[in-house]
Amino acid sequence: MRTGTGLAEKNLRQLLNEWDPIGVADEYDRMFVPLLGRLRRGADQAESAALPRTELVEHFGLTPSPSEPEAVATRLMALKAEGA
């Protein structure tokens, strides 16, 4: 993900809203800045999956399947690889 571009922010926001595990788009703003920061620092897939997993459990009170945060992290890594 390139730093300093609106495209990175737009793509990340779109990804979070498409993921939408609780059915309330825009409820994921609390993850936006931390995820963007992790990606810009070069976080790997495991680190990128940790935040959505923690948020689902601690903030939303959900028990995600093991693959759910991993699927989001996979998409994040794809965005990062595309330079978007």
PDB file of N, CA and C in Angstrom:
ATOM      1  N   MET A   1       0.836  -1.171   0.000  1.00  0.00           N
ATOM      2  CA  MET A   1       0.000   0.000   0.000  1.00  0.00           C
ATOM      3  C   MET A   1       0.881   1.235   0.000  1.00  0.00           C
ATOM      4  N   ARG A   2       0.645   2.094  -0.914  1.00  0.00           N
ATOM      5  CA  ARG A   2       1.430   3.311  -0.966  1.00  0.00           C
ATOM      6  C   ARG A   2       0.983   4.255   0.132  1.00  0.00           C
ATOM      7  N   THR A   3       1.944   4.908   0.738  1.00  0.00           N
ATOM      8  CA  THR A   3       1.602   5.862   1.775  1.00  0.00           C
ATOM      9  C   THR A   3       1.230   7.186   1.145  1.00  0.00           C
ATOM     10  N   GLY A   4       0.367   7.905   1.826  1.00  0.00           N
ATOM     11  CA  GLY A   4       0.030   9.236   1.378  1.00  0.00           C
ATOM     12  C   GLY A   4      -0.936   9.290   0.214  1.00  0.00           C
ATOM     13  N   THR A   5      -1.612   8.193  -0.097  1.00  0.00           N
ATOM     14  CA  THR A   5      -2.558   8.236  -1.202  1.00  0.00           C
ATOM     15  C   THR A   5      -3.967   7.992  -0.702  1.00  0.00           C
ATOM     16  N   GLY A   6      -4.911   8.683  -1.293  1.00  0.00           N
ATOM     17  CA  GLY A   6      -6.309   8.469  -0.968  1.00  0.00           C
ATOM     18  C   GLY A   6      -6.795   7.110  -1.425  1.00  0.00           C
ATOM     19  N   LEU A   7      -6.122   6.546  -2.427  1.00  0.00           N
ATOM     20  CA  LEU A   7      -6.519   5.243  -2.961  1.00  0.00           C
ATOM     21  C   LEU A   7      -6.373   4.160  -1.902  1.00  0.00           C
ATOM     22  N   ALA A   8      -5.295   4.186  -1.142  1.00  0.00           N
ATOM     23  CA  ALA A   8      -5.095   3.194  -0.080  1.00  0.00           C
ATOM     24  C   ALA A   8      -6.220   3.273   0.936  1.00  0.00           C
ATOM     25  N   GLU A   9      -6.559   4.468   1.361  1.00  0.00           N
ATOM     26  CA  GLU A   9      -7.620   4.651   2.334  1.00  0.00           C
ATOM     27  C   GLU A   9      -8.965   4.201   1.773  1.00  0.00           C
ATOM     28  N   LYS A  10      -9.235   4.550   0.544  1.00  0.00           N
ATOM     29  CA  LYS A  10     -10.507   4.178  -0.087  1.00  0.00           C
ATOM     30  C   LYS A  10     -10.632   2.657  -0.198  1.00  0.00           C
ATOM     31  N   ASN A  11      -9.556   2.001  -0.631  1.00  0.00           N
ATOM     32  CA  ASN A  11      -9.591   0.549  -0.788  1.00  0.00           C
ATOM     33  C   ASN A  11      -9.740  -0.164   0.547  1.00  0.00           C
ATOM     34  N   LEU A  12      -9.068   0.316   1.579  1.00  0.00           N
ATOM     35  CA  LEU A  12      -9.181  -0.299   2.894  1.00  0.00           C
ATOM     36  C   LEU A  12     -10.596  -0.116   3.435  1.00  0.00           C
ATOM     37  N   ARG A  13     -11.152   1.072   3.312  1.00  0.00           N
ATOM     38  CA  ARG A  13     -12.514   1.311   3.801  1.00  0.00           C
ATOM     39  C   ARG A  13     -13.510   0.419   3.056  1.00  0.00           C
ATOM     40  N   GLN A  14     -13.341   0.291   1.761  1.00  0.00           N
ATOM     41  CA  GLN A  14     -14.222  -0.557   0.965  1.00  0.00           C
ATOM     42  C   GLN A  14     -14.118  -2.015   1.418  1.00  0.00           C
ATOM     43  N   LEU A  15     -12.904  -2.470   1.654  1.00  0.00           N
ATOM     44  CA  LEU A  15     -12.702  -3.852   2.111  1.00  0.00           C
ATOM     45  C   LEU A  15     -13.406  -4.083   3.446  1.00  0.00           C
ATOM     46  N   LEU A  16     -13.234  -3.171   4.400  1.00  0.00           N
ATOM     47  CA  LEU A  16     -13.871  -3.340   5.710  1.00  0.00           C
ATOM     48  C   LEU A  16     -15.389  -3.334   5.596  1.00  0.00           C
ATOM     49  N   ASN A  17     -15.930  -2.460   4.767  1.00  0.00           N
ATOM     50  CA  ASN A  17     -17.383  -2.402   4.621  1.00  0.00           C
ATOM     51  C   ASN A  17     -17.943  -3.606   3.876  1.00  0.00           C
ATOM     52  N   GLU A  18     -17.181  -4.168   2.959  1.00  0.00           N
ATOM     53  CA  GLU A  18     -17.616  -5.394   2.272  1.00  0.00           C
ATOM     54  C   GLU A  18     -17.559  -6.588   3.218  1.00  0.00           C
ATOM     55  N   TRP A  19     -16.559  -6.616   4.069  1.00  0.00           N
ATOM     56  CA  TRP A  19     -16.425  -7.709   5.036  1.00  0.00           C
ATOM     57  C   TRP A  19     -17.644  -7.716   5.952  1.00  0.00           C
ATOM     58  N   ASP A  20     -17.944  -6.620   6.590  1.00  0.00           N
ATOM     59  CA  ASP A  20     -19.161  -6.345   7.349  1.00  0.00           C
ATOM     60  C   ASP A  20     -19.715  -7.523   8.152  1.00  0.00           C
ATOM     61  N   PRO A  21     -18.971  -8.057   9.119  1.00  0.00           N
ATOM     62  CA  PRO A  21     -19.437  -9.232   9.863  1.00  0.00           C
ATOM     63  C   PRO A  21     -20.657  -8.993  10.741  1.00  0.00           C
ATOM     64  N   ILE A  22     -20.967  -7.741  11.075  1.00  0.00           N
ATOM     65  CA  ILE A  22     -22.126  -7.499  11.918  1.00  0.00           C
ATOM     66  C   ILE A  22     -23.272  -6.841  11.170  1.00  0.00           C
ATOM     67  N   GLY A  23     -23.106  -6.616   9.879  1.00  0.00           N
ATOM     68  CA  GLY A  23     -24.188  -6.060   9.070  1.00  0.00           C
ATOM     69  C   GLY A  23     -24.425  -4.571   9.266  1.00  0.00           C
ATOM     70  N   VAL A  24     -23.421  -3.858   9.731  1.00  0.00           N
ATOM     71  CA  VAL A  24     -23.549  -2.420   9.943  1.00  0.00           C
ATOM     72  C   VAL A  24     -22.316  -1.739   9.361  1.00  0.00           C
ATOM     73  N   ALA A  25     -22.339  -1.480   8.076  1.00  0.00           N
ATOM     74  CA  ALA A  25     -21.198  -0.826   7.432  1.00  0.00           C
ATOM     75  C   ALA A  25     -20.870   0.466   8.171  1.00  0.00           C
ATOM     76  N   ASP A  26     -19.641   0.850   8.131  1.00  0.00           N
ATOM     77  CA  ASP A  26     -19.089   2.033   8.792  1.00  0.00           C
ATOM     78  C   ASP A  26     -18.925   1.864  10.292  1.00  0.00           C
ATOM     79  N   GLU A  27     -19.240   0.704  10.837  1.00  0.00           N
ATOM     80  CA  GLU A  27     -19.002   0.429  12.249  1.00  0.00           C
ATOM     81  C   GLU A  27     -17.535   0.056  12.479  1.00  0.00           C
ATOM     82  N   TYR A  28     -16.789  -0.048  11.419  1.00  0.00           N
ATOM     83  CA  TYR A  28     -15.421  -0.561  11.504  1.00  0.00           C
ATOM     84  C   TYR A  28     -14.377   0.540  11.493  1.00  0.00           C
ATOM     85  N   ASP A  29     -14.802   1.781  11.685  1.00  0.00           N
ATOM     86  CA  ASP A  29     -13.869   2.903  11.683  1.00  0.00           C
ATOM     87  C   ASP A  29     -12.777   2.732  12.738  1.00  0.00           C
ATOM     88  N   ARG A  30     -13.097   2.083  13.827  1.00  0.00           N
ATOM     89  CA  ARG A  30     -12.113   1.897  14.897  1.00  0.00           C
ATOM     90  C   ARG A  30     -10.944   1.026  14.444  1.00  0.00           C
ATOM     91  N   MET A  31     -11.139   0.244  13.378  1.00  0.00           N
ATOM     92  CA  MET A  31     -10.055  -0.600  12.856  1.00  0.00           C
ATOM     93  C   MET A  31      -9.296   0.080  11.725  1.00  0.00           C
ATOM     94  N   PHE A  32      -9.880   1.093  11.144  1.00  0.00           N
ATOM     95  CA  PHE A  32      -9.336   1.691   9.927  1.00  0.00           C
ATOM     96  C   PHE A  32      -7.910   2.226  10.116  1.00  0.00           C
ATOM     97  N   VAL A  33      -7.724   3.142  11.026  1.00  0.00           N
ATOM     98  CA  VAL A  33      -6.407   3.773  11.211  1.00  0.00           C
ATOM     99  C   VAL A  33      -5.370   2.752  11.683  1.00  0.00           C
ATOM    100  N   PRO A  34      -5.700   1.896  12.679  1.00  0.00           N
ATOM    101  CA  PRO A  34      -4.694   0.901  13.077  1.00  0.00           C
ATOM    102  C   PRO A  34      -4.309  -0.058  11.944  1.00  0.00           C
ATOM    103  N   LEU A  35      -5.280  -0.495  11.142  1.00  0.00           N
ATOM    104  CA  LEU A  35      -4.951  -1.389  10.025  1.00  0.00           C
ATOM    105  C   LEU A  35      -4.111  -0.678   8.976  1.00  0.00           C
ATOM    106  N   LEU A  36      -4.494   0.542   8.663  1.00  0.00           N
ATOM    107  CA  LEU A  36      -3.739   1.303   7.676  1.00  0.00           C
ATOM    108  C   LEU A  36      -2.298   1.490   8.153  1.00  0.00           C
ATOM    109  N   GLY A  37      -2.125   1.803   9.421  1.00  0.00           N
ATOM    110  CA  GLY A  37      -0.780   1.963   9.984  1.00  0.00           C
ATOM    111  C   GLY A  37       0.033   0.678   9.910  1.00  0.00           C
ATOM    112  N   ARG A  38      -0.614  -0.435  10.230  1.00  0.00           N
ATOM    113  CA  ARG A  38       0.088  -1.719  10.169  1.00  0.00           C
ATOM    114  C   ARG A  38       0.529  -2.028   8.747  1.00  0.00           C
ATOM    115  N   LEU A  39      -0.349  -1.789   7.796  1.00  0.00           N
ATOM    116  CA  LEU A  39      -0.002  -2.068   6.405  1.00  0.00           C
ATOM    117  C   LEU A  39       1.125  -1.167   5.926  1.00  0.00           C
ATOM    118  N   ARG A  40       1.080   0.076   6.315  1.00  0.00           N
ATOM    119  CA  ARG A  40       2.138   1.010   5.911  1.00  0.00           C
ATOM    120  C   ARG A  40       3.472   0.667   6.550  1.00  0.00           C
ATOM    121  N   ARG A  41       3.436   0.040   7.725  1.00  0.00           N
ATOM    122  CA  ARG A  41       4.672  -0.398   8.388  1.00  0.00           C
ATOM    123  C   ARG A  41       5.187  -1.702   7.816  1.00  0.00           C
ATOM    124  N   GLY A  42       4.384  -2.343   6.964  1.00  0.00           N
ATOM    125  CA  GLY A  42       4.812  -3.598   6.370  1.00  0.00           C
ATOM    126  C   GLY A  42       4.391  -4.824   7.160  1.00  0.00           C
ATOM    127  N   ALA A  43       3.290  -4.719   7.901  1.00  0.00           N
ATOM    128  CA  ALA A  43       2.816  -5.852   8.697  1.00  0.00           C
ATOM    129  C   ALA A  43       2.580  -7.073   7.815  1.00  0.00           C
ATOM    130  N   ASP A  44       2.826  -8.225   8.396  1.00  0.00           N
ATOM    131  CA  ASP A  44       2.571  -9.460   7.665  1.00  0.00           C
ATOM    132  C   ASP A  44       1.112  -9.891   7.847  1.00  0.00           C
ATOM    133  N   GLN A  45       0.761 -11.015   7.258  1.00  0.00           N
ATOM    134  CA  GLN A  45      -0.616 -11.471   7.285  1.00  0.00           C
ATOM    135  C   GLN A  45      -1.079 -11.787   8.711  1.00  0.00           C
ATOM    136  N   ALA A  46      -0.237 -12.401   9.501  1.00  0.00           N
ATOM    137  CA  ALA A  46      -0.613 -12.751  10.877  1.00  0.00           C
ATOM    138  C   ALA A  46      -0.928 -11.503  11.698  1.00  0.00           C
ATOM    139  N   GLU A  47      -0.090 -10.492  11.586  1.00  0.00           N
ATOM    140  CA  GLU A  47      -0.323  -9.247  12.321  1.00  0.00           C
ATOM    141  C   GLU A  47      -1.574  -8.545  11.799  1.00  0.00           C
ATOM    142  N   SER A  48      -1.804  -8.621  10.507  1.00  0.00           N
ATOM    143  CA  SER A  48      -2.984  -7.983   9.925  1.00  0.00           C
ATOM    144  C   SER A  48      -4.273  -8.692  10.326  1.00  0.00           C
ATOM    145  N   ALA A  49      -4.207  -9.981  10.582  1.00  0.00           N
ATOM    146  CA  ALA A  49      -5.394 -10.736  11.007  1.00  0.00           C
ATOM    147  C   ALA A  49      -5.682 -10.544  12.493  1.00  0.00           C
ATOM    148  N   ALA A  50      -4.663 -10.202  13.266  1.00  0.00           N
ATOM    149  CA  ALA A  50      -4.830 -10.089  14.717  1.00  0.00           C
ATOM    150  C   ALA A  50      -5.823  -8.999  15.102  1.00  0.00           C
ATOM    151  N   LEU A  51      -5.767  -7.860  14.440  1.00  0.00           N
ATOM    152  CA  LEU A  51      -6.655  -6.756  14.811  1.00  0.00           C
ATOM    153  C   LEU A  51      -8.122  -7.087  14.541  1.00  0.00           C
ATOM    154  N   PRO A  52      -8.502  -7.536  13.339  1.00  0.00           N
ATOM    155  CA  PRO A  52      -9.913  -7.893  13.144  1.00  0.00           C
ATOM    156  C   PRO A  52     -10.384  -8.977  14.117  1.00  0.00           C
ATOM    157  N   ARG A  53      -9.527  -9.946  14.400  1.00  0.00           N
ATOM    158  CA  ARG A  53      -9.898 -11.011  15.340  1.00  0.00           C
ATOM    159  C   ARG A  53     -10.168 -10.421  16.726  1.00  0.00           C
ATOM    160  N   THR A  54      -9.265  -9.593  17.195  1.00  0.00           N
ATOM    161  CA  THR A  54      -9.422  -8.973  18.513  1.00  0.00           C
ATOM    162  C   THR A  54     -10.668  -8.101  18.566  1.00  0.00           C
ATOM    163  N   GLU A  55     -10.905  -7.322  17.532  1.00  0.00           N
ATOM    164  CA  GLU A  55     -12.083  -6.456  17.506  1.00  0.00           C
ATOM    165  C   GLU A  55     -13.380  -7.260  17.511  1.00  0.00           C
ATOM    166  N   LEU A  56     -13.420  -8.341  16.730  1.00  0.00           N
ATOM    167  CA  LEU A  56     -14.630  -9.165  16.705  1.00  0.00           C
ATOM    168  C   LEU A  56     -14.930  -9.733  18.087  1.00  0.00           C
ATOM    169  N   VAL A  57     -13.889 -10.174  18.769  1.00  0.00           N
ATOM    170  CA  VAL A  57     -14.083 -10.798  20.081  1.00  0.00           C
ATOM    171  C   VAL A  57     -14.330  -9.749  21.167  1.00  0.00           C
ATOM    172  N   GLU A  58     -13.425  -8.796  21.290  1.00  0.00           N
ATOM    173  CA  GLU A  58     -13.472  -7.870  22.415  1.00  0.00           C
ATOM    174  C   GLU A  58     -14.472  -6.728  22.253  1.00  0.00           C
ATOM    175  N   HIS A  59     -14.616  -6.199  21.054  1.00  0.00           N
ATOM    176  CA  HIS A  59     -15.515  -5.062  20.863  1.00  0.00           C
ATOM    177  C   HIS A  59     -16.931  -5.496  20.484  1.00  0.00           C
ATOM    178  N   PHE A  60     -17.034  -6.453  19.568  1.00  0.00           N
ATOM    179  CA  PHE A  60     -18.348  -6.856  19.080  1.00  0.00           C
ATOM    180  C   PHE A  60     -18.913  -8.073  19.807  1.00  0.00           C
ATOM    181  N   GLY A  61     -18.103  -8.735  20.623  1.00  0.00           N
ATOM    182  CA  GLY A  61     -18.578  -9.884  21.382  1.00  0.00           C
ATOM    183  C   GLY A  61     -18.894 -11.103  20.534  1.00  0.00           C
ATOM    184  N   LEU A  62     -18.222 -11.242  19.407  1.00  0.00           N
ATOM    185  CA  LEU A  62     -18.447 -12.370  18.506  1.00  0.00           C
ATOM    186  C   LEU A  62     -17.322 -13.389  18.637  1.00  0.00           C
ATOM    187  N   THR A  63     -17.597 -14.587  18.227  1.00  0.00           N
ATOM    188  CA  THR A  63     -16.575 -15.623  18.154  1.00  0.00           C
ATOM    189  C   THR A  63     -16.384 -15.962  16.681  1.00  0.00           C
ATOM    190  N   PRO A  64     -15.382 -15.366  16.055  1.00  0.00           N
ATOM    191  CA  PRO A  64     -15.188 -15.605  14.623  1.00  0.00           C
ATOM    192  C   PRO A  64     -14.648 -16.999  14.354  1.00  0.00           C
ATOM    193  N   SER A  65     -14.987 -17.510  13.201  1.00  0.00           N
ATOM    194  CA  SER A  65     -14.341 -18.749  12.781  1.00  0.00           C
ATOM    195  C   SER A  65     -12.870 -18.414  12.552  1.00  0.00           C
ATOM    196  N   PRO A  66     -11.989 -19.393  12.697  1.00  0.00           N
ATOM    197  CA  PRO A  66     -10.561 -19.095  12.511  1.00  0.00           C
ATOM    198  C   PRO A  66     -10.240 -18.499  11.144  1.00  0.00           C
ATOM    199  N   SER A  67     -11.024 -18.851  10.142  1.00  0.00           N
ATOM    200  CA  SER A  67     -10.719 -18.370   8.794  1.00  0.00           C
ATOM    201  C   SER A  67     -11.218 -16.949   8.527  1.00  0.00           C
ATOM    202  N   GLU A  68     -12.140 -16.445   9.326  1.00  0.00           N
ATOM    203  CA  GLU A  68     -12.725 -15.131   9.043  1.00  0.00           C
ATOM    204  C   GLU A  68     -11.695 -13.997   9.093  1.00  0.00           C
ATOM    205  N   PRO A  69     -10.971 -13.803  10.186  1.00  0.00           N
ATOM    206  CA  PRO A  69      -9.950 -12.749  10.183  1.00  0.00           C
ATOM    207  C   PRO A  69      -8.839 -13.034   9.177  1.00  0.00           C
ATOM    208  N   GLU A  70      -8.535 -14.297   8.960  1.00  0.00           N
ATOM    209  CA  GLU A  70      -7.501 -14.652   7.975  1.00  0.00           C
ATOM    210  C   GLU A  70      -7.918 -14.247   6.566  1.00  0.00           C
ATOM    211  N   ALA A  71      -9.200 -14.400   6.249  1.00  0.00           N
ATOM    212  CA  ALA A  71      -9.684 -14.016   4.921  1.00  0.00           C
ATOM    213  C   ALA A  71      -9.536 -12.512   4.714  1.00  0.00           C
ATOM    214  N   VAL A  72      -9.826 -11.736   5.758  1.00  0.00           N
ATOM    215  CA  VAL A  72      -9.651 -10.280   5.671  1.00  0.00           C
ATOM    216  C   VAL A  72      -8.175  -9.952   5.492  1.00  0.00           C
ATOM    217  N   ALA A  73      -7.323 -10.613   6.259  1.00  0.00           N
ATOM    218  CA  ALA A  73      -5.884 -10.366   6.147  1.00  0.00           C
ATOM    219  C   ALA A  73      -5.360 -10.735   4.762  1.00  0.00           C
ATOM    220  N   THR A  74      -5.884 -11.793   4.189  1.00  0.00           N
ATOM    221  CA  THR A  74      -5.481 -12.183   2.834  1.00  0.00           C
ATOM    222  C   THR A  74      -5.826 -11.079   1.845  1.00  0.00           C
ATOM    223  N   ARG A  75      -7.020 -10.525   1.982  1.00  0.00           N
ATOM    224  CA  ARG A  75      -7.421  -9.421   1.099  1.00  0.00           C
ATOM    225  C   ARG A  75      -6.574  -8.175   1.342  1.00  0.00           C
ATOM    226  N   LEU A  76      -6.231  -7.928   2.598  1.00  0.00           N
ATOM    227  CA  LEU A  76      -5.359  -6.787   2.899  1.00  0.00           C
ATOM    228  C   LEU A  76      -3.994  -6.948   2.262  1.00  0.00           C
ATOM    229  N   MET A  77      -3.450  -8.168   2.328  1.00  0.00           N
ATOM    230  CA  MET A  77      -2.149  -8.427   1.730  1.00  0.00           C
ATOM    231  C   MET A  77      -2.209  -8.281   0.207  1.00  0.00           C
ATOM    232  N   ALA A  78      -3.340  -8.660  -0.382  1.00  0.00           N
ATOM    233  CA  ALA A  78      -3.501  -8.494  -1.824  1.00  0.00           C
ATOM    234  C   ALA A  78      -3.518  -7.016  -2.187  1.00  0.00           C
ATOM    235  N   LEU A  79      -4.214  -6.202  -1.400  1.00  0.00           N
ATOM    236  CA  LEU A  79      -4.219  -4.747  -1.638  1.00  0.00           C
ATOM    237  C   LEU A  79      -2.813  -4.182  -1.520  1.00  0.00           C
ATOM    238  N   LYS A  80      -2.109  -4.636  -0.498  1.00  0.00           N
ATOM    239  CA  LYS A  80      -0.741  -4.168  -0.286  1.00  0.00           C
ATOM    240  C   LYS A  80       0.150  -4.544  -1.471  1.00  0.00           C
ATOM    241  N   ALA A  81       0.007  -5.768  -1.949  1.00  0.00           N
ATOM    242  CA  ALA A  81       0.821  -6.240  -3.083  1.00  0.00           C
ATOM    243  C   ALA A  81       0.516  -5.462  -4.360  1.00  0.00           C
ATOM    244  N   GLU A  82      -0.741  -5.063  -4.505  1.00  0.00           N
ATOM    245  CA  GLU A  82      -1.141  -4.281  -5.685  1.00  0.00           C
ATOM    246  C   GLU A  82      -0.666  -2.854  -5.599  1.00  0.00           C
ATOM    247  N   GLY A  83      -0.206  -2.445  -4.417  1.00  0.00           N
ATOM    248  CA  GLY A  83       0.233  -1.067  -4.247  1.00  0.00           C
ATOM    249  C   GLY A  83      -0.918  -0.107  -4.156  1.00  0.00           C
ATOM    250  N   ALA A  84      -2.117  -0.647  -3.845  1.00  0.00           N
ATOM    251  CA  ALA A  84      -3.293   0.209  -3.751  1.00  0.00           C
ATOM    252  C   ALA A  84      -3.451   0.669  -2.351  1.00  0.00           C
TER     253      ALA A  84
END
